[in-house]
Amino acid sequence: MSIQHFTDANFKKEVLDSELPVLVDFWASWCGPCKMIAPFVDDLAKEYSGKMKIGKVDVDANSKVATQYGIMSIPTIIFFKKGKVMSQLVGAVSKLDLKRKIEENL
């Protein structure tokens, strides 16, 4: 499964009501560090298909969700399980660090 796109409109259904744990990458098109980690997030979405739902929220287009979760700096990655925030990463991280965090949150 490839990366999913979460929005203000589908966030509850796709993230909070998900049976699988969910990684949400809060990003923006103008954000350099967001572009740096994007290939890692895409690769891991394929690798963890069926185990974890992985997607992105464009903070410029979906300010309601970004505000609700207090996103002040991007990229911010939040892990959800059964609708609850489990952990969070802020700033660019290595693929290895991101993979470790995914494993912790499965």
C-alpha atoms as a PDB file:
ATOM      1  CA  MET A   1       0.000   0.000   0.000  1.00  0.00           C
ATOM      2  CA  SER A   2       1.336   3.424  -0.833  1.00  0.00           C
ATOM      3  CA  ILE A   3       1.193   6.556   1.251  1.00  0.00           C
ATOM      4  CA  GLN A   4      -2.274   7.829   2.143  1.00  0.00           C
ATOM      5  CA  HIS A   5      -3.449  11.418   2.281  1.00  0.00           C
ATOM      6  CA  PHE A   6      -5.358  12.435   5.374  1.00  0.00           C
ATOM      7  CA  THR A   7      -7.483  15.586   5.440  1.00  0.00           C
ATOM      8  CA  ASP A   8      -9.648  17.519   7.864  1.00  0.00           C
ATOM      9  CA  ALA A   9     -12.607  15.688   6.286  1.00  0.00           C
ATOM     10  CA  ASN A  10     -11.319  12.095   6.503  1.00  0.00           C
ATOM     11  CA  PHE A  11      -9.027  12.248   9.568  1.00  0.00           C
ATOM     12  CA  LYS A  12     -11.507  10.755  12.043  1.00  0.00           C
ATOM     13  CA  LYS A  13     -12.424   7.837   9.772  1.00  0.00           C
ATOM     14  CA  GLU A  14      -8.934   7.097   8.417  1.00  0.00           C
ATOM     15  CA  VAL A  15      -6.827   7.776  11.530  1.00  0.00           C
ATOM     16  CA  LEU A  16      -8.828   7.875  14.749  1.00  0.00           C
ATOM     17  CA  ASP A  17     -11.180   5.014  13.811  1.00  0.00           C
ATOM     18  CA  SER A  18      -8.460   2.867  12.178  1.00  0.00           C
ATOM     19  CA  GLU A  19      -8.075  -0.749  13.282  1.00  0.00           C
ATOM     20  CA  LEU A  20      -4.354  -0.522  12.457  1.00  0.00           C
ATOM     21  CA  PRO A  21      -1.849   1.767  14.185  1.00  0.00           C
ATOM     22  CA  VAL A  22      -1.347   4.942  12.133  1.00  0.00           C
ATOM     23  CA  LEU A  23       1.696   7.105  11.400  1.00  0.00           C
ATOM     24  CA  VAL A  24       0.729  10.653  10.387  1.00  0.00           C
ATOM     25  CA  ASP A  25       3.369  12.882   8.780  1.00  0.00           C
ATOM     26  CA  PHE A  26       2.369  16.559   9.134  1.00  0.00           C
ATOM     27  CA  TRP A  27       4.155  18.403   6.309  1.00  0.00           C
ATOM     28  CA  ALA A  28       3.988  21.270   3.788  1.00  0.00           C
ATOM     29  CA  SER A  29       5.210  21.608   0.208  1.00  0.00           C
ATOM     30  CA  TRP A  30       7.560  24.499   1.096  1.00  0.00           C
ATOM     31  CA  CYS A  31       9.252  22.606   3.973  1.00  0.00           C
ATOM     32  CA  GLY A  32      12.814  21.455   3.168  1.00  0.00           C
ATOM     33  CA  PRO A  33      13.143  18.899   6.010  1.00  0.00           C
ATOM     34  CA  CYS A  34       9.713  17.503   5.028  1.00  0.00           C
ATOM     35  CA  LYS A  35      11.065  16.853   1.525  1.00  0.00           C
ATOM     36  CA  MET A  36      14.136  15.170   3.023  1.00  0.00           C
ATOM     37  CA  ILE A  37      12.128  12.566   4.948  1.00  0.00           C
ATOM     38  CA  ALA A  38       9.394  12.058   2.305  1.00  0.00           C
ATOM     39  CA  PRO A  39      11.216   9.188   0.519  1.00  0.00           C
ATOM     40  CA  PHE A  40      11.682   7.369   3.865  1.00  0.00           C
ATOM     41  CA  VAL A  41       8.007   7.734   4.706  1.00  0.00           C
ATOM     42  CA  ASP A  42       7.026   6.484   1.237  1.00  0.00           C
ATOM     43  CA  ASP A  43       9.334   3.447   1.494  1.00  0.00           C
ATOM     44  CA  LEU A  44       8.112   2.564   4.980  1.00  0.00           C
ATOM     45  CA  ALA A  45       4.461   2.856   3.872  1.00  0.00           C
ATOM     46  CA  LYS A  46       5.130   0.029   1.414  1.00  0.00           C
ATOM     47  CA  GLU A  47       7.231  -1.993   3.877  1.00  0.00           C
ATOM     48  CA  TYR A  48       4.625  -1.844   6.664  1.00  0.00           C
ATOM     49  CA  SER A  49       1.556  -2.271   4.457  1.00  0.00           C
ATOM     50  CA  GLY A  50      -1.054  -4.281   6.346  1.00  0.00           C
ATOM     51  CA  LYS A  51       0.688  -3.656   9.689  1.00  0.00           C
ATOM     52  CA  MET A  52       0.507   0.126   9.985  1.00  0.00           C
ATOM     53  CA  LYS A  53      -1.373   2.775   8.035  1.00  0.00           C
ATOM     54  CA  ILE A  54       1.027   5.529   6.957  1.00  0.00           C
ATOM     55  CA  GLY A  55      -0.079   8.868   5.580  1.00  0.00           C
ATOM     56  CA  LYS A  56       0.434  12.586   5.354  1.00  0.00           C
ATOM     57  CA  VAL A  57      -1.462  15.718   6.333  1.00  0.00           C
ATOM     58  CA  ASP A  58      -0.664  18.881   4.370  1.00  0.00           C
ATOM     59  CA  VAL A  59      -0.817  21.476   7.167  1.00  0.00           C
ATOM     60  CA  ASP A  60      -1.526  24.338   4.752  1.00  0.00           C
ATOM     61  CA  ALA A  61      -4.602  22.618   3.303  1.00  0.00           C
ATOM     62  CA  ASN A  62      -5.772  20.983   6.563  1.00  0.00           C
ATOM     63  CA  SER A  63      -5.278  23.527   9.322  1.00  0.00           C
ATOM     64  CA  LYS A  64      -8.076  22.147  11.519  1.00  0.00           C
ATOM     65  CA  VAL A  65      -6.272  18.840  12.189  1.00  0.00           C
ATOM     66  CA  ALA A  66      -2.875  20.573  12.477  1.00  0.00           C
ATOM     67  CA  THR A  67      -4.288  23.006  15.055  1.00  0.00           C
ATOM     68  CA  GLN A  68      -6.096  20.243  16.951  1.00  0.00           C
ATOM     69  CA  TYR A  69      -2.786  18.420  17.500  1.00  0.00           C
ATOM     70  CA  GLY A  70      -0.761  21.572  18.232  1.00  0.00           C
ATOM     71  CA  ILE A  71       1.544  21.278  15.241  1.00  0.00           C
ATOM     72  CA  MET A  72       3.991  24.163  15.630  1.00  0.00           C
ATOM     73  CA  SER A  73       6.951  22.802  13.676  1.00  0.00           C
ATOM     74  CA  ILE A  74       7.132  20.529  10.663  1.00  0.00           C
ATOM     75  CA  PRO A  75       7.809  17.838   9.885  1.00  0.00           C
ATOM     76  CA  THR A  76       5.997  16.376  12.876  1.00  0.00           C
ATOM     77  CA  ILE A  77       5.176  12.689  12.913  1.00  0.00           C
ATOM     78  CA  ILE A  78       2.510  11.439  15.302  1.00  0.00           C
ATOM     79  CA  PHE A  79       1.738   7.784  15.967  1.00  0.00           C
ATOM     80  CA  PHE A  80      -1.870   6.882  16.756  1.00  0.00           C
ATOM     81  CA  LYS A  81      -3.282   3.631  18.096  1.00  0.00           C
ATOM     82  CA  LYS A  82      -7.021   3.151  18.628  1.00  0.00           C
ATOM     83  CA  GLY A  83      -7.547   6.912  18.242  1.00  0.00           C
ATOM     84  CA  LYS A  84      -4.981   7.909  20.874  1.00  0.00           C
ATOM     85  CA  VAL A  85      -1.635   9.651  20.402  1.00  0.00           C
ATOM     86  CA  MET A  86       1.093   7.170  21.326  1.00  0.00           C
ATOM     87  CA  SER A  87       4.244   9.140  20.490  1.00  0.00           C
ATOM     88  CA  GLN A  88       5.582  11.992  18.406  1.00  0.00           C
ATOM     89  CA  LEU A  89       8.725  12.971  16.491  1.00  0.00           C
ATOM     90  CA  VAL A  90       9.520  16.566  15.510  1.00  0.00           C
ATOM     91  CA  GLY A  91      12.018  17.505  12.810  1.00  0.00           C
ATOM     92  CA  ALA A  92      13.849  15.483  10.193  1.00  0.00           C
ATOM     93  CA  VAL A  93      14.867  11.998  11.339  1.00  0.00           C
ATOM     94  CA  SER A  94      16.834   9.216   9.705  1.00  0.00           C
ATOM     95  CA  LYS A  95      15.067   6.282   8.067  1.00  0.00           C
ATOM     96  CA  LEU A  96      16.537   3.985  10.735  1.00  0.00           C
ATOM     97  CA  ASP A  97      15.196   6.157  13.585  1.00  0.00           C
ATOM     98  CA  LEU A  98      11.800   6.317  11.914  1.00  0.00           C
ATOM     99  CA  LYS A  99      11.752   2.540  11.446  1.00  0.00           C
ATOM    100  CA  ARG A 100      12.659   2.013  15.134  1.00  0.00           C
ATOM    101  CA  LYS A 101       9.805   4.294  16.170  1.00  0.00           C
ATOM    102  CA  ILE A 102       7.380   2.409  13.901  1.00  0.00           C
ATOM    103  CA  GLU A 103       8.434  -0.877  15.517  1.00  0.00           C
ATOM    104  CA  GLU A 104       7.847   0.616  18.996  1.00  0.00           C
ATOM    105  CA  ASN A 105       4.347   1.673  17.979  1.00  0.00           C
ATOM    106  CA  LEU A 106       3.120  -1.489  16.256  1.00  0.00           C
END
